PDB file of N, CA and C in Angstrom:
ATOM      1  N   UNK A   1     170.218  45.063 240.120  1.00  0.00           N
ATOM      2  CA  UNK A   1     169.273  45.029 239.075  1.00  0.00           C
ATOM      3  C   UNK A   1     169.281  46.282 238.199  1.00  0.00           C
ATOM      4  N   UNK A   2     169.257  47.454 238.859  1.00  0.00           N
ATOM      5  CA  UNK A   2     169.306  48.762 238.094  1.00  0.00           C
ATOM      6  C   UNK A   2     170.529  48.897 237.227  1.00  0.00           C
ATOM      7  N   UNK A   3     171.598  48.282 237.681  1.00  0.00           N
ATOM      8  CA  UNK A   3     172.830  48.328 236.862  1.00  0.00           C
ATOM      9  C   UNK A   3     172.660  47.476 235.563  1.00  0.00           C
ATOM     10  N   UNK A   4     171.952  46.376 235.606  1.00  0.00           N
ATOM     11  CA  UNK A   4     171.839  45.563 234.483  1.00  0.00           C
ATOM     12  C   UNK A   4     170.832  46.229 233.515  1.00  0.00           C
ATOM     13  N   UNK A   5     169.868  46.977 234.074  1.00  0.00           N
ATOM     14  CA  UNK A   5     168.965  47.716 233.283  1.00  0.00           C
ATOM     15  C   UNK A   5     169.580  48.708 232.453  1.00  0.00           C
ATOM     16  N   UNK A   6     170.460  49.597 233.168  1.00  0.00           N
ATOM     17  CA  UNK A   6     171.177  50.693 232.615  1.00  0.00           C
ATOM     18  C   UNK A   6     172.124  50.111 231.519  1.00  0.00           C
ATOM     19  N   UNK A   7     172.794  49.012 231.774  1.00  0.00           N
ATOM     20  CA  UNK A   7     173.710  48.317 230.842  1.00  0.00           C
ATOM     21  C   UNK A   7     173.036  47.869 229.599  1.00  0.00           C
ATOM     22  N   UNK A   8     171.815  47.248 229.730  1.00  0.00           N
ATOM     23  CA  UNK A   8     171.070  46.738 228.722  1.00  0.00           C
ATOM     24  C   UNK A   8     170.557  47.941 227.851  1.00  0.00           C
ATOM     25  N   UNK A   9     170.167  49.037 228.403  1.00  0.00           N
ATOM     26  CA  UNK A   9     169.739  50.184 227.627  1.00  0.00           C
ATOM     27  C   UNK A   9     170.873  50.802 226.853  1.00  0.00           C
ATOM     28  N   UNK A  10     172.030  50.814 227.456  1.00  0.00           N
ATOM     29  CA  UNK A  10     173.220  51.341 226.762  1.00  0.00           C
ATOM     30  C   UNK A  10     173.573  50.454 225.533  1.00  0.00           C
ATOM     31  N   UNK A  11     173.508  49.212 225.709  1.00  0.00           N
ATOM     32  CA  UNK A  11     173.889  48.296 224.532  1.00  0.00           C
ATOM     33  C   UNK A  11     172.857  48.416 223.488  1.00  0.00           C
ATOM     34  N   UNK A  12     171.560  48.495 223.897  1.00  0.00           N
ATOM     35  CA  UNK A  12     170.524  48.722 222.893  1.00  0.00           C
ATOM     36  C   UNK A  12     170.668  49.972 222.136  1.00  0.00           C
ATOM     37  N   UNK A  13     170.923  51.080 222.721  1.00  0.00           N
ATOM     38  CA  UNK A  13     171.176  52.316 222.085  1.00  0.00           C
ATOM     39  C   UNK A  13     172.356  52.323 221.172  1.00  0.00           C
ATOM     40  N   UNK A  14     173.450  51.714 221.608  1.00  0.00           N
ATOM     41  CA  UNK A  14     174.657  51.575 220.752  1.00  0.00           C
ATOM     42  C   UNK A  14     174.360  50.867 219.505  1.00  0.00           C
ATOM     43  N   UNK A  15     173.599  49.780 219.568  1.00  0.00           N
ATOM     44  CA  UNK A  15     173.250  48.936 218.447  1.00  0.00           C
ATOM     45  C   UNK A  15     172.417  49.677 217.446  1.00  0.00           C
ATOM     46  N   UNK A  16     171.733  50.779 217.848  1.00  0.00           N
ATOM     47  CA  UNK A  16     170.790  51.576 216.979  1.00  0.00           C
ATOM     48  C   UNK A  16     171.489  52.724 216.341  1.00  0.00           C
ATOM     49  N   UNK A  17     172.784  52.847 216.410  1.00  0.00           N
ATOM     50  CA  UNK A  17     173.500  54.010 215.897  1.00  0.00           C
ATOM     51  C   UNK A  17     173.368  54.128 214.378  1.00  0.00           C
ATOM     52  N   UNK A  18     172.727  55.129 213.875  1.00  0.00           N
ATOM     53  CA  UNK A  18     172.439  55.275 212.504  1.00  0.00           C
ATOM     54  C   UNK A  18     173.276  56.395 211.876  1.00  0.00           C
ATOM     55  N   UNK A  19     174.304  56.788 212.470  1.00  0.00           N
ATOM     56  CA  UNK A  19     175.140  57.902 211.931  1.00  0.00           C
ATOM     57  C   UNK A  19     175.660  57.665 210.605  1.00  0.00           C
ATOM     58  N   UNK A  20     175.829  58.769 209.904  1.00  0.00           N
ATOM     59  CA  UNK A  20     176.299  58.737 208.488  1.00  0.00           C
ATOM     60  C   UNK A  20     177.839  58.372 208.536  1.00  0.00           C
ATOM     61  N   UNK A  21     178.292  57.731 207.475  1.00  0.00           N
ATOM     62  CA  UNK A  21     179.694  57.374 207.433  1.00  0.00           C
ATOM     63  C   UNK A  21     180.617  58.681 207.423  1.00  0.00           C
ATOM     64  N   UNK A  22     181.746  58.558 208.074  1.00  0.00           N
ATOM     65  CA  UNK A  22     182.578  59.761 208.089  1.00  0.00           C
ATOM     66  C   UNK A  22     183.255  60.067 206.750  1.00  0.00           C
ATOM     67  N   UNK A  23     183.799  61.348 206.618  1.00  0.00           N
ATOM     68  CA  UNK A  23     184.395  61.627 205.424  1.00  0.00           C
ATOM     69  C   UNK A  23     185.723  60.818 205.127  1.00  0.00           C
ATOM     70  N   UNK A  24     186.246  60.170 206.208  1.00  0.00           N
ATOM     71  CA  UNK A  24     187.329  59.284 206.035  1.00  0.00           C
ATOM     72  C   UNK A  24     187.031  58.141 205.138  1.00  0.00           C
ATOM     73  N   UNK A  25     185.789  57.765 204.978  1.00  0.00           N
ATOM     74  CA  UNK A  25     185.406  56.687 204.115  1.00  0.00           C
ATOM     75  C   UNK A  25     185.457  56.918 202.658  1.00  0.00           C
ATOM     76  N   UNK A  26     185.702  58.243 202.264  1.00  0.00           N
ATOM     77  CA  UNK A  26     185.742  58.642 200.883  1.00  0.00           C
ATOM     78  C   UNK A  26     187.097  58.120 200.327  1.00  0.00           C
ATOM     79  N   UNK A  27     187.003  57.323 199.291  1.00  0.00           N
ATOM     80  CA  UNK A  27     188.293  56.721 198.724  1.00  0.00           C
ATOM     81  C   UNK A  27     189.002  57.647 197.872  1.00  0.00           C
ATOM     82  N   UNK A  28     190.346  57.732 198.055  1.00  0.00           N
ATOM     83  CA  UNK A  28     191.155  58.438 197.212  1.00  0.00           C
ATOM     84  C   UNK A  28     191.178  57.810 195.802  1.00  0.00           C
ATOM     85  N   UNK A  29     191.472  58.648 194.731  1.00  0.00           N
ATOM     86  CA  UNK A  29     191.498  58.084 193.479  1.00  0.00           C
ATOM     87  C   UNK A  29     192.737  57.044 193.361  1.00  0.00           C
ATOM     88  N   UNK A  30     192.486  55.993 192.608  1.00  0.00           N
ATOM     89  CA  UNK A  30     193.597  55.055 192.471  1.00  0.00           C
ATOM     90  C   UNK A  30     194.814  55.595 191.741  1.00  0.00           C
ATOM     91  N   UNK A  31     195.970  55.138 192.087  1.00  0.00           N
ATOM     92  CA  UNK A  31     197.185  55.580 191.376  1.00  0.00           C
ATOM     93  C   UNK A  31     197.229  54.799 190.061  1.00  0.00           C
ATOM     94  N   UNK A  32     197.778  55.413 188.944  1.00  0.00           N
ATOM     95  CA  UNK A  32     197.880  54.738 187.772  1.00  0.00           C
ATOM     96  C   UNK A  32     198.738  53.554 187.839  1.00  0.00           C
ATOM     97  N   UNK A  33     198.465  52.410 187.179  1.00  0.00           N
ATOM     98  CA  UNK A  33     199.253  51.260 187.338  1.00  0.00           C
ATOM     99  C   UNK A  33     200.430  51.170 186.345  1.00  0.00           C
ATOM    100  N   UNK A  34     200.661  52.292 185.635  1.00  0.00           N
ATOM    101  CA  UNK A  34     201.803  52.248 184.725  1.00  0.00           C
ATOM    102  C   UNK A  34     202.395  53.700 184.700  1.00  0.00           C
ATOM    103  N   UNK A  35     203.413  53.843 183.968  1.00  0.00           N
ATOM    104  CA  UNK A  35     204.049  55.160 183.761  1.00  0.00           C
ATOM    105  C   UNK A  35     203.384  55.967 182.709  1.00  0.00           C
ATOM    106  N   UNK A  36     202.258  55.601 182.281  1.00  0.00           N
ATOM    107  CA  UNK A  36     201.548  56.222 181.051  1.00  0.00           C
ATOM    108  C   UNK A  36     201.133  57.672 181.432  1.00  0.00           C
ATOM    109  N   UNK A  37     200.726  57.861 182.656  1.00  0.00           N
ATOM    110  CA  UNK A  37     200.054  59.110 183.049  1.00  0.00           C
ATOM    111  C   UNK A  37     200.864  59.906 184.117  1.00  0.00           C
ATOM    112  N   UNK A  38     200.887  61.240 183.968  1.00  0.00           N
ATOM    113  CA  UNK A  38     201.485  62.098 184.945  1.00  0.00           C
ATOM    114  C   UNK A  38     200.353  62.876 185.420  1.00  0.00           C
ATOM    115  N   UNK A  39     199.767  62.530 186.658  1.00  0.00           N
ATOM    116  CA  UNK A  39     198.617  63.272 187.178  1.00  0.00           C
ATOM    117  C   UNK A  39     199.265  64.493 187.912  1.00  0.00           C
ATOM    118  N   UNK A  40     198.682  65.633 187.579  1.00  0.00           N
ATOM    119  CA  UNK A  40     199.253  66.947 188.128  1.00  0.00           C
ATOM    120  C   UNK A  40     198.506  67.403 189.337  1.00  0.00           C
ATOM    121  N   UNK A  41     197.145  67.466 189.293  1.00  0.00           N
ATOM    122  CA  UNK A  41     196.340  67.982 190.391  1.00  0.00           C
ATOM    123  C   UNK A  41     194.908  67.770 190.052  1.00  0.00           C
ATOM    124  N   UNK A  42     194.008  67.890 190.987  1.00  0.00           N
ATOM    125  CA  UNK A  42     192.624  67.772 190.846  1.00  0.00           C
ATOM    126  C   UNK A  42     192.143  68.829 189.704  1.00  0.00           C
ATOM    127  N   UNK A  43     191.306  68.420 188.851  1.00  0.00           N
ATOM    128  CA  UNK A  43     190.938  69.283 187.757  1.00  0.00           C
ATOM    129  C   UNK A  43     189.912  70.338 188.156  1.00  0.00           C
ATOM    130  N   UNK A  44     188.812  69.968 188.847  1.00  0.00           N
ATOM    131  CA  UNK A  44     187.809  70.919 189.200  1.00  0.00           C
ATOM    132  C   UNK A  44     187.946  71.496 190.671  1.00  0.00           C
ATOM    133  N   UNK A  45     188.699  70.757 191.514  1.00  0.00           N
ATOM    134  CA  UNK A  45     189.013  71.175 192.821  1.00  0.00           C
ATOM    135  C   UNK A  45     190.133  70.222 193.307  1.00  0.00           C
ATOM    136  N   UNK A  46     190.780  70.646 194.447  1.00  0.00           N
ATOM    137  CA  UNK A  46     191.931  69.945 194.839  1.00  0.00           C
ATOM    138  C   UNK A  46     191.670  68.489 195.190  1.00  0.00           C
ATOM    139  N   UNK A  47     190.434  68.087 195.563  1.00  0.00           N
ATOM    140  CA  UNK A  47     190.172  66.685 195.884  1.00  0.00           C
ATOM    141  C   UNK A  47     189.353  66.031 194.775  1.00  0.00           C
ATOM    142  N   UNK A  48     189.360  66.554 193.564  1.00  0.00           N
ATOM    143  CA  UNK A  48     188.686  65.989 192.483  1.00  0.00           C
ATOM    144  C   UNK A  48     189.384  64.695 192.064  1.00  0.00           C
ATOM    145  N   UNK A  49     188.622  63.567 191.855  1.00  0.00           N
ATOM    146  CA  UNK A  49     189.236  62.374 191.337  1.00  0.00           C
ATOM    147  C   UNK A  49     189.709  62.467 189.904  1.00  0.00           C
ATOM    148  N   UNK A  50     189.083  63.480 189.121  1.00  0.00           N
ATOM    149  CA  UNK A  50     189.636  63.627 187.818  1.00  0.00           C
ATOM    150  C   UNK A  50     190.816  64.578 187.944  1.00  0.00           C
ATOM    151  N   UNK A  51     191.887  64.250 187.312  1.00  0.00           N
ATOM    152  CA  UNK A  51     193.191  64.874 187.480  1.00  0.00           C
ATOM    153  C   UNK A  51     193.585  65.508 186.166  1.00  0.00           C
ATOM    154  N   UNK A  52     194.139  66.765 186.176  1.00  0.00           N
ATOM    155  CA  UNK A  52     194.692  67.384 185.094  1.00  0.00           C
ATOM    156  C   UNK A  52     195.915  66.419 184.814  1.00  0.00           C
ATOM    157  N   UNK A  53     196.148  66.228 183.560  1.00  0.00           N
ATOM    158  CA  UNK A  53     197.263  65.240 183.207  1.00  0.00           C
ATOM    159  C   UNK A  53     198.343  65.898 182.350  1.00  0.00           C
ATOM    160  N   UNK A  54     199.566  65.582 182.698  1.00  0.00           N
ATOM    161  CA  UNK A  54     200.631  66.197 182.064  1.00  0.00           C
ATOM    162  C   UNK A  54     201.179  65.295 180.877  1.00  0.00           C
ATOM    163  N   UNK A  55     202.279  65.844 180.241  1.00  0.00           N
ATOM    164  CA  UNK A  55     202.777  65.152 179.056  1.00  0.00           C
ATOM    165  C   UNK A  55     203.707  63.974 179.400  1.00  0.00           C
ATOM    166  N   UNK A  56     203.371  62.827 178.781  1.00  0.00           N
ATOM    167  CA  UNK A  56     204.207  61.617 178.781  1.00  0.00           C
ATOM    168  C   UNK A  56     204.398  61.158 177.427  1.00  0.00           C
ATOM    169  N   UNK A  57     205.098  60.082 177.134  1.00  0.00           N
ATOM    170  CA  UNK A  57     205.175  59.557 175.834  1.00  0.00           C
ATOM    171  C   UNK A  57     203.827  58.908 175.420  1.00  0.00           C
ATOM    172  N   UNK A  58     202.984  58.530 176.407  1.00  0.00           N
ATOM    173  CA  UNK A  58     201.601  58.011 176.008  1.00  0.00           C
ATOM    174  C   UNK A  58     200.661  59.148 175.744  1.00  0.00           C
ATOM    175  N   UNK A  59     200.745  60.246 176.419  1.00  0.00           N
ATOM    176  CA  UNK A  59     199.712  61.315 176.311  1.00  0.00           C
ATOM    177  C   UNK A  59     200.121  62.368 175.208  1.00  0.00           C
ATOM    178  N   UNK A  60     201.322  62.399 174.724  1.00  0.00           N
ATOM    179  CA  UNK A  60     201.833  63.490 173.909  1.00  0.00           C
ATOM    180  C   UNK A  60     200.943  63.694 172.653  1.00  0.00           C
ATOM    181  N   UNK A  61     200.320  62.591 172.127  1.00  0.00           N
ATOM    182  CA  UNK A  61     199.528  62.667 170.919  1.00  0.00           C
ATOM    183  C   UNK A  61     198.136  63.207 171.200  1.00  0.00           C
ATOM    184  N   UNK A  62     197.795  63.281 172.431  1.00  0.00           N
ATOM    185  CA  UNK A  62     196.295  63.646 172.878  1.00  0.00           C
ATOM    186  C   UNK A  62     196.427  65.227 173.247  1.00  0.00           C
ATOM    187  N   UNK A  63     197.582  65.836 173.455  1.00  0.00           N
ATOM    188  CA  UNK A  63     197.622  67.239 173.895  1.00  0.00           C
ATOM    189  C   UNK A  63     197.262  68.218 172.835  1.00  0.00           C
ATOM    190  N   UNK A  64     196.484  69.288 173.299  1.00  0.00           N
ATOM    191  CA  UNK A  64     196.012  70.232 172.409  1.00  0.00           C
ATOM    192  C   UNK A  64     196.057  71.619 173.092  1.00  0.00           C
ATOM    193  N   UNK A  65     196.467  72.521 172.388  1.00  0.00           N
ATOM    194  CA  UNK A  65     196.602  73.912 173.027  1.00  0.00           C
ATOM    195  C   UNK A  65     195.277  74.573 173.340  1.00  0.00           C
ATOM    196  N   UNK A  66     194.181  73.997 172.771  1.00  0.00           N
ATOM    197  CA  UNK A  66     192.769  74.515 173.053  1.00  0.00           C
ATOM    198  C   UNK A  66     192.047  73.593 173.919  1.00  0.00           C
ATOM    199  N   UNK A  67     192.690  72.659 174.643  1.00  0.00           N
ATOM    200  CA  UNK A  67     191.884  71.704 175.510  1.00  0.00           C
ATOM    201  C   UNK A  67     192.855  71.299 176.619  1.00  0.00           C
ATOM    202  N   UNK A  68     192.165  70.863 177.732  1.00  0.00           N
ATOM    203  CA  UNK A  68     193.007  70.284 178.811  1.00  0.00           C
ATOM    204  C   UNK A  68     192.833  68.696 178.756  1.00  0.00           C
ATOM    205  N   UNK A  69     193.943  68.030 179.133  1.00  0.00           N
ATOM    206  CA  UNK A  69     193.884  66.614 179.214  1.00  0.00           C
ATOM    207  C   UNK A  69     193.590  66.274 180.690  1.00  0.00           C
ATOM    208  N   UNK A  70     192.580  65.456 180.822  1.00  0.00           N
ATOM    209  CA  UNK A  70     192.128  65.138 182.105  1.00  0.00           C
ATOM    210  C   UNK A  70     191.975  63.520 182.187  1.00  0.00           C
ATOM    211  N   UNK A  71     192.436  62.966 183.335  1.00  0.00           N
ATOM    212  CA  UNK A  71     192.256  61.533 183.559  1.00  0.00           C
ATOM    213  C   UNK A  71     191.378  61.299 184.736  1.00  0.00           C
ATOM    214  N   UNK A  72     190.377  60.408 184.609  1.00  0.00           N
ATOM    215  CA  UNK A  72     189.463  59.966 185.685  1.00  0.00           C
ATOM    216  C   UNK A  72     189.486  58.606 185.832  1.00  0.00           C
ATOM    217  N   UNK A  73     189.311  58.109 187.118  1.00  0.00           N
ATOM    218  CA  UNK A  73     189.213  56.611 187.298  1.00  0.00           C
ATOM    219  C   UNK A  73     188.059  56.066 186.395  1.00  0.00           C
ATOM    220  N   UNK A  74     188.331  55.034 185.693  1.00  0.00           N
ATOM    221  CA  UNK A  74     187.396  54.461 184.683  1.00  0.00           C
ATOM    222  C   UNK A  74     186.058  54.087 185.385  1.00  0.00           C
ATOM    223  N   UNK A  75     185.026  54.497 184.843  1.00  0.00           N
ATOM    224  CA  UNK A  75     183.622  54.266 185.262  1.00  0.00           C
ATOM    225  C   UNK A  75     183.239  54.916 186.481  1.00  0.00           C
ATOM    226  N   UNK A  76     183.968  55.946 186.936  1.00  0.00           N
ATOM    227  CA  UNK A  76     183.568  56.558 188.154  1.00  0.00           C
ATOM    228  C   UNK A  76     182.512  57.674 187.937  1.00  0.00           C
ATOM    229  N   UNK A  77     181.774  58.059 189.004  1.00  0.00           N
ATOM    230  CA  UNK A  77     180.884  59.184 188.905  1.00  0.00           C
ATOM    231  C   UNK A  77     181.479  60.419 188.579  1.00  0.00           C
ATOM    232  N   UNK A  78     182.820  60.639 189.025  1.00  0.00           N
ATOM    233  CA  UNK A  78     183.589  61.783 188.646  1.00  0.00           C
ATOM    234  C   UNK A  78     183.750  61.882 187.158  1.00  0.00           C
ATOM    235  N   UNK A  79     184.008  60.786 186.513  1.00  0.00           N
ATOM    236  CA  UNK A  79     184.173  60.768 185.079  1.00  0.00           C
ATOM    237  C   UNK A  79     182.911  61.116 184.394  1.00  0.00           C
ATOM    238  N   UNK A  80     181.771  60.518 184.814  1.00  0.00           N
ATOM    239  CA  UNK A  80     180.478  60.732 184.149  1.00  0.00           C
ATOM    240  C   UNK A  80     180.063  62.273 184.371  1.00  0.00           C
ATOM    241  N   UNK A  81     180.460  62.850 185.421  1.00  0.00           N
ATOM    242  CA  UNK A  81     180.028  64.323 185.684  1.00  0.00           C
ATOM    243  C   UNK A  81     180.919  65.209 184.748  1.00  0.00           C
ATOM    244  N   UNK A  82     182.238  64.853 184.599  1.00  0.00           N
ATOM    245  CA  UNK A  82     183.131  65.562 183.700  1.00  0.00           C
ATOM    246  C   UNK A  82     182.584  65.633 182.272  1.00  0.00           C
ATOM    247  N   UNK A  83     182.212  64.406 181.805  1.00  0.00           N
ATOM    248  CA  UNK A  83     181.675  64.386 180.432  1.00  0.00           C
ATOM    249  C   UNK A  83     180.334  65.201 180.300  1.00  0.00           C
ATOM    250  N   UNK A  84     179.465  65.134 181.306  1.00  0.00           N
ATOM    251  CA  UNK A  84     178.165  65.844 181.169  1.00  0.00           C
ATOM    252  C   UNK A  84     178.351  67.305 181.306  1.00  0.00           C
ATOM    253  N   UNK A  85     179.284  67.725 182.181  1.00  0.00           N
ATOM    254  CA  UNK A  85     179.381  69.223 182.437  1.00  0.00           C
ATOM    255  C   UNK A  85     180.345  69.930 181.548  1.00  0.00           C
ATOM    256  N   UNK A  86     181.343  69.211 181.008  1.00  0.00           N
ATOM    257  CA  UNK A  86     182.358  69.917 180.297  1.00  0.00           C
ATOM    258  C   UNK A  86     182.524  69.485 178.834  1.00  0.00           C
ATOM    259  N   UNK A  87     181.661  68.613 178.396  1.00  0.00           N
ATOM    260  CA  UNK A  87     181.797  68.156 176.949  1.00  0.00           C
ATOM    261  C   UNK A  87     183.048  67.392 176.708  1.00  0.00           C
ATOM    262  N   UNK A  88     183.498  66.746 177.731  1.00  0.00           N
ATOM    263  CA  UNK A  88     184.741  65.933 177.611  1.00  0.00           C
ATOM    264  C   UNK A  88     184.611  64.861 176.558  1.00  0.00           C
ATOM    265  N   UNK A  89     185.665  64.577 175.799  1.00  0.00           N
ATOM    266  CA  UNK A  89     185.679  63.506 174.816  1.00  0.00           C
ATOM    267  C   UNK A  89     186.789  62.496 175.256  1.00  0.00           C
ATOM    268  N   UNK A  90     186.388  61.242 175.286  1.00  0.00           N
ATOM    269  CA  UNK A  90     187.359  60.153 175.725  1.00  0.00           C
ATOM    270  C   UNK A  90     188.307  59.921 174.559  1.00  0.00           C
ATOM    271  N   UNK A  91     189.635  59.912 174.928  1.00  0.00           N
ATOM    272  CA  UNK A  91     190.741  59.694 173.944  1.00  0.00           C
ATOM    273  C   UNK A  91     191.523  58.501 174.146  1.00  0.00           C
ATOM    274  N   UNK A  92     191.470  57.893 175.405  1.00  0.00           N
ATOM    275  CA  UNK A  92     192.281  56.660 175.719  1.00  0.00           C
ATOM    276  C   UNK A  92     191.976  56.137 176.986  1.00  0.00           C
ATOM    277  N   UNK A  93     192.471  54.923 177.269  1.00  0.00           N
ATOM    278  CA  UNK A  93     192.308  54.235 178.680  1.00  0.00           C
ATOM    279  C   UNK A  93     193.609  53.635 178.919  1.00  0.00           C
ATOM    280  N   UNK A  94     194.063  53.749 180.189  1.00  0.00           N
ATOM    281  CA  UNK A  94     195.249  53.084 180.634  1.00  0.00           C
ATOM    282  C   UNK A  94     195.257  52.978 182.180  1.00  0.00           C
ATOM    283  N   UNK A  95     195.685  51.859 182.745  1.00  0.00           N
ATOM    284  CA  UNK A  95     196.000  51.696 184.155  1.00  0.00           C
ATOM    285  C   UNK A  95     194.813  51.986 185.037  1.00  0.00           C
ATOM    286  N   UNK A  96     193.605  51.720 184.609  1.00  0.00           N
ATOM    287  CA  UNK A  96     192.419  51.977 185.470  1.00  0.00           C
ATOM    288  C   UNK A  96     191.879  53.418 185.222  1.00  0.00           C
ATOM    289  N   UNK A  97     192.434  54.135 184.409  1.00  0.00           N
ATOM    290  CA  UNK A  97     191.985  55.506 184.100  1.00  0.00           C
ATOM    291  C   UNK A  97     191.459  55.714 182.679  1.00  0.00           C
ATOM    292  N   UNK A  98     190.568  56.559 182.554  1.00  0.00           N
ATOM    293  CA  UNK A  98     190.028  57.062 181.154  1.00  0.00           C
ATOM    294  C   UNK A  98     190.553  58.399 180.991  1.00  0.00           C
ATOM    295  N   UNK A  99     191.205  58.703 179.822  1.00  0.00           N
ATOM    296  CA  UNK A  99     191.727  59.935 179.584  1.00  0.00           C
ATOM    297  C   UNK A  99     190.738  60.692 178.635  1.00  0.00           C
ATOM    298  N   UNK A 100     190.512  62.024 178.991  1.00  0.00           N
ATOM    299  CA  UNK A 100     189.628  62.842 178.275  1.00  0.00           C
ATOM    300  C   UNK A 100     190.310  64.132 177.800  1.00  0.00           C
ATOM    301  N   UNK A 101     189.807  64.684 176.761  1.00  0.00           N
ATOM    302  CA  UNK A 101     190.226  66.011 176.301  1.00  0.00           C
ATOM    303  C   UNK A 101     189.118  66.868 176.629  1.00  0.00           C
ATOM    304  N   UNK A 102     189.270  68.010 177.255  1.00  0.00           N
ATOM    305  CA  UNK A 102     188.281  68.915 177.711  1.00  0.00           C
ATOM    306  C   UNK A 102     188.517  70.276 177.014  1.00  0.00           C
ATOM    307  N   UNK A 103     187.638  70.711 176.096  1.00  0.00           N
ATOM    308  CA  UNK A 103     187.858  71.969 175.380  1.00  0.00           C
ATOM    309  C   UNK A 103     187.854  73.175 176.352  1.00  0.00           C
ATOM    310  N   UNK A 104     188.782  74.102 176.184  1.00  0.00           N
ATOM    311  CA  UNK A 104     188.790  75.296 176.981  1.00  0.00           C
ATOM    312  C   UNK A 104     188.027  76.441 176.368  1.00  0.00           C
ATOM    313  N   UNK A 105     187.740  76.377 175.112  1.00  0.00           N
ATOM    314  CA  UNK A 105     186.935  77.383 174.379  1.00  0.00           C
ATOM    315  C   UNK A 105     185.511  77.008 174.100  1.00  0.00           C
TER     316      UNK A 105
END
């Protein structure tokens, strides 16, 4: 009988686990679905979903020596914070990404 009581308490406690999701649940940014973008590295940090974007035939007309070209997953919180914090201006969309120009000066 005591064994059943201990087993029942263990099952009940396991069902009440309210632990926060692990960091493994954080989704990686999607890969572009075309060759339009060359993603170089995270813009604000190494794990930033917004990526510094290199030159391709698609991006060549958006490059500027006074601004960085940055691509973020379209509609993401990372994109919203980039616009709010860095005065980023949207210049294009492609393959699930929105491309921004971010002034350096």
